[in-house]
Amino acid sequence: MAMSFLSLWLFALSPAQLEAGEIQISGGEIGSELRAVGLVKARPERVYSTVIRCEGYGGFLPRVTSSKKVSGDAKYRSCAMVIDMPFPLGDLATKLRQTRWVEPGLWRMDFEQVKGGYAENAGGWRLQPYGPKGQWTLVDYRLRLRLKGWVPKWIQNLGAKGSIEPLFQALRGRLE
């Protein structure tokens, strides 16, 4: 539980705000890391098994129309997915490499684009037990995202930040 309190100390959300479903978002300007912290009322093991399973992203995570596992083992996994981009942009294909760690009290998955339509697409999930019995998950999601081409930075910033609430809603909807 100490790690959860440390994470809470770094952010402005109170336990009551977390338990009410609020999400704290910081950063996110193009070229910098966006960070979102929120609570999912499911055990960390369940949240972790959902976020590492890239073949299940299609139709679940916002704007992901299809996804599949290309290769992988217990530590690394390659995933291919297609993202439905808003008009006038076309669909975007990307291939990511996941790296995963499980330690006492911490589940972690980092991802980085190895091929695809983004100039940069990297980030990760850090999951910690939360609640009186560690029955919930404090989710710390990080994202560095930059599109290739002519898309103005303010639109990219809006898109990255605008994807966070639907991401948490999808995760909560599946697990709570």
Protein backbone atom coordinates (compact mmCIF):
# COMPACT_ATOMS: atom_id res chain seq x y z
CA MET A 1 0.00 0.00 0.00
CA ALA A 2 2.96 2.36 0.55
CA MET A 3 3.60 2.55 -3.20
CA SER A 4 0.00 3.63 -3.75
CA PHE A 5 0.35 6.40 -1.19
CA LEU A 6 3.59 7.50 -2.87
CA SER A 7 1.79 7.65 -6.22
CA LEU A 8 -1.06 9.60 -4.66
CA TRP A 9 1.39 12.05 -3.13
CA LEU A 10 2.69 12.82 -6.62
CA PHE A 11 -0.79 13.79 -7.82
CA ALA A 12 -3.52 16.09 -6.59
CA LEU A 13 -6.32 13.51 -6.37
CA SER A 14 -7.64 12.59 -2.97
CA PRO A 15 -8.73 9.02 -2.19
CA ALA A 16 -12.36 10.20 -2.38
CA GLN A 17 -11.80 11.67 -5.85
CA LEU A 18 -10.10 8.48 -7.04
CA GLU A 19 -12.91 6.32 -5.68
CA ALA A 20 -15.46 8.61 -7.41
CA GLY A 21 -13.77 7.85 -10.74
CA GLU A 22 -11.83 11.05 -11.37
CA ILE A 23 -8.72 10.86 -13.54
CA GLN A 24 -5.78 13.21 -13.23
CA ILE A 25 -4.10 14.08 -16.50
CA SER A 26 -0.79 15.92 -16.69
CA GLY A 27 1.51 16.85 -19.55
CA GLY A 28 0.59 15.67 -23.00
CA GLU A 29 1.92 18.42 -25.19
CA ILE A 30 3.26 16.85 -28.38
CA GLY A 31 6.81 15.72 -27.77
CA SER A 32 6.23 15.35 -24.02
CA GLU A 33 4.77 12.57 -21.93
CA LEU A 34 1.08 12.54 -21.13
CA ARG A 35 0.36 10.91 -17.80
CA ALA A 36 -3.01 9.82 -16.45
CA VAL A 37 -3.74 8.38 -13.02
CA GLY A 38 -7.06 6.85 -12.04
CA LEU A 39 -8.65 3.95 -10.21
CA VAL A 40 -10.13 0.77 -11.65
CA LYS A 41 -12.23 -1.22 -9.21
CA ALA A 42 -10.78 -4.59 -10.14
CA ARG A 43 -7.77 -6.54 -8.88
CA PRO A 44 -4.40 -5.61 -10.46
CA GLU A 45 -3.98 -9.11 -11.91
CA ARG A 46 -7.21 -8.72 -13.92
CA VAL A 47 -6.32 -5.21 -15.12
CA TYR A 48 -2.85 -6.39 -16.11
CA SER A 49 -4.12 -9.39 -18.06
CA THR A 50 -6.44 -7.03 -19.97
CA VAL A 51 -3.86 -4.34 -20.86
CA ILE A 52 -1.17 -6.81 -22.02
CA ARG A 53 -3.57 -8.75 -24.27
CA CYS A 54 -3.21 -6.69 -27.45
CA GLU A 55 -5.16 -9.19 -29.53
CA GLY A 56 -8.22 -8.06 -27.56
CA TYR A 57 -7.84 -4.30 -28.20
CA GLY A 58 -9.96 -4.18 -31.38
CA GLY A 59 -13.49 -3.02 -30.62
CA PHE A 60 -12.56 -2.53 -26.95
CA LEU A 61 -10.04 0.29 -26.75
CA PRO A 62 -11.12 3.62 -28.23
CA ARG A 63 -10.55 3.93 -31.99
CA VAL A 64 -8.81 0.52 -32.29
CA THR A 65 -10.68 -1.24 -35.09
CA SER A 66 -8.54 -4.38 -35.23
CA SER A 67 -5.59 -5.84 -33.39
CA LYS A 68 -3.58 -9.03 -33.28
CA LYS A 69 -0.62 -10.58 -31.56
CA VAL A 70 2.20 -11.02 -34.09
CA SER A 71 4.68 -12.83 -31.84
CA GLY A 72 5.77 -13.01 -28.23
CA ASP A 73 6.60 -14.74 -25.02
CA ALA A 74 6.19 -14.01 -21.31
CA LYS A 75 8.40 -10.89 -21.38
CA TYR A 76 7.99 -9.46 -24.91
CA ARG A 77 5.13 -9.30 -27.36
CA SER A 78 4.71 -7.73 -30.81
CA CYS A 79 1.25 -6.47 -31.69
CA ALA A 80 -0.25 -5.03 -34.87
CA MET A 81 -3.30 -2.80 -34.83
CA VAL A 82 -5.33 -0.45 -36.95
CA ILE A 83 -6.48 2.87 -35.48
CA ASP A 84 -9.57 4.67 -36.81
CA MET A 85 -8.39 8.26 -37.21
CA PRO A 86 -10.80 11.19 -37.49
CA PHE A 87 -11.59 12.80 -40.84
CA PRO A 88 -9.71 13.80 -42.94
CA LEU A 89 -7.02 11.36 -41.80
CA GLY A 90 -7.22 7.76 -42.96
CA ASP A 91 -6.87 4.68 -40.77
CA LEU A 92 -3.43 4.27 -39.25
CA ALA A 93 -1.59 0.94 -38.98
CA THR A 94 1.01 0.48 -36.27
CA LYS A 95 3.13 -2.34 -34.85
CA LEU A 96 4.11 -2.13 -31.19
CA ARG A 97 6.54 -4.04 -29.03
CA GLN A 98 5.48 -4.66 -25.45
CA THR A 99 7.90 -5.30 -22.60
CA ARG A 100 6.37 -6.63 -19.39
CA TRP A 101 7.43 -6.94 -15.74
CA VAL A 102 5.69 -8.25 -12.66
CA GLU A 103 7.18 -7.48 -9.25
CA PRO A 104 5.66 -7.66 -5.79
CA GLY A 105 3.04 -4.90 -5.69
CA LEU A 106 3.71 -3.66 -9.25
CA TRP A 107 2.55 -4.81 -12.68
CA ARG A 108 4.15 -2.95 -15.57
CA MET A 109 3.93 -2.99 -19.36
CA ASP A 110 5.78 -0.58 -21.64
CA PHE A 111 5.15 -0.28 -25.36
CA GLU A 112 6.96 1.31 -28.26
CA GLN A 113 6.14 1.52 -31.94
CA VAL A 114 8.55 -0.49 -34.11
CA LYS A 115 6.79 0.24 -37.40
CA GLY A 116 3.85 2.33 -38.49
CA GLY A 117 2.12 5.60 -39.11
CA TYR A 118 3.14 7.52 -36.01
CA ALA A 119 6.33 9.55 -35.77
CA GLU A 120 6.32 8.48 -32.11
CA ASN A 121 4.07 6.11 -30.17
CA ALA A 122 5.42 4.93 -26.83
CA GLY A 123 4.22 4.65 -23.27
CA GLY A 124 3.17 2.18 -20.66
CA TRP A 125 1.02 1.04 -17.81
CA ARG A 126 2.02 0.84 -14.13
CA LEU A 127 -0.51 -0.90 -11.91
CA GLN A 128 -0.50 -1.00 -8.12
CA PRO A 129 -2.90 -2.49 -5.58
CA TYR A 130 -5.18 0.06 -3.95
CA GLY A 131 -7.88 -0.07 -1.29
CA PRO A 132 -8.09 -1.48 2.22
CA LYS A 133 -7.34 -5.00 0.98
CA GLY A 134 -5.53 -4.10 -2.24
CA GLN A 135 -8.65 -5.18 -4.12
CA TRP A 136 -8.59 -2.30 -6.63
CA THR A 137 -5.95 -0.99 -9.01
CA LEU A 138 -4.27 2.39 -9.12
CA VAL A 139 -3.56 2.84 -12.84
CA ASP A 140 -0.71 5.09 -14.00
CA TYR A 141 -0.86 5.34 -17.81
CA ARG A 142 1.83 7.15 -19.82
CA LEU A 143 1.84 8.07 -23.49
CA ARG A 144 4.15 9.86 -25.92
CA LEU A 145 2.37 10.30 -29.21
CA ARG A 146 3.22 12.26 -32.34
CA LEU A 147 1.69 11.85 -35.79
CA LYS A 148 3.69 11.97 -39.00
CA GLY A 149 2.97 14.69 -41.49
CA TRP A 150 1.14 17.98 -41.44
CA VAL A 151 -1.34 17.58 -38.54
CA PRO A 152 -1.13 20.73 -36.37
CA LYS A 153 0.24 20.19 -32.86
CA TRP A 154 -2.87 21.59 -31.17
CA ILE A 155 -5.01 18.92 -32.88
CA GLN A 156 -2.56 16.19 -31.86
CA ASN A 157 -2.58 17.48 -28.26
CA LEU A 158 -6.38 17.50 -28.22
CA GLY A 159 -6.53 13.97 -29.62
CA ALA A 160 -4.05 12.51 -27.14
CA LYS A 161 -5.69 14.11 -24.09
CA GLY A 162 -9.18 13.39 -25.43
CA SER A 163 -8.45 9.66 -25.62
CA ILE A 164 -7.77 9.26 -21.89
CA GLU A 165 -11.30 9.34 -20.48
CA PRO A 166 -12.65 6.88 -23.09
CA LEU A 167 -9.65 4.62 -22.38
CA PHE A 168 -10.44 4.52 -18.66
CA GLN A 169 -14.18 4.09 -19.40
CA ALA A 170 -13.44 1.09 -21.64
CA LEU A 171 -11.20 -0.50 -19.01
CA ARG A 172 -13.71 0.11 -16.21
CA GLY A 173 -16.59 -1.07 -18.39
CA ARG A 174 -14.85 -4.35 -19.07
CA LEU A 175 -13.58 -5.04 -15.55
CA GLU A 176 -15.85 -3.40 -12.96
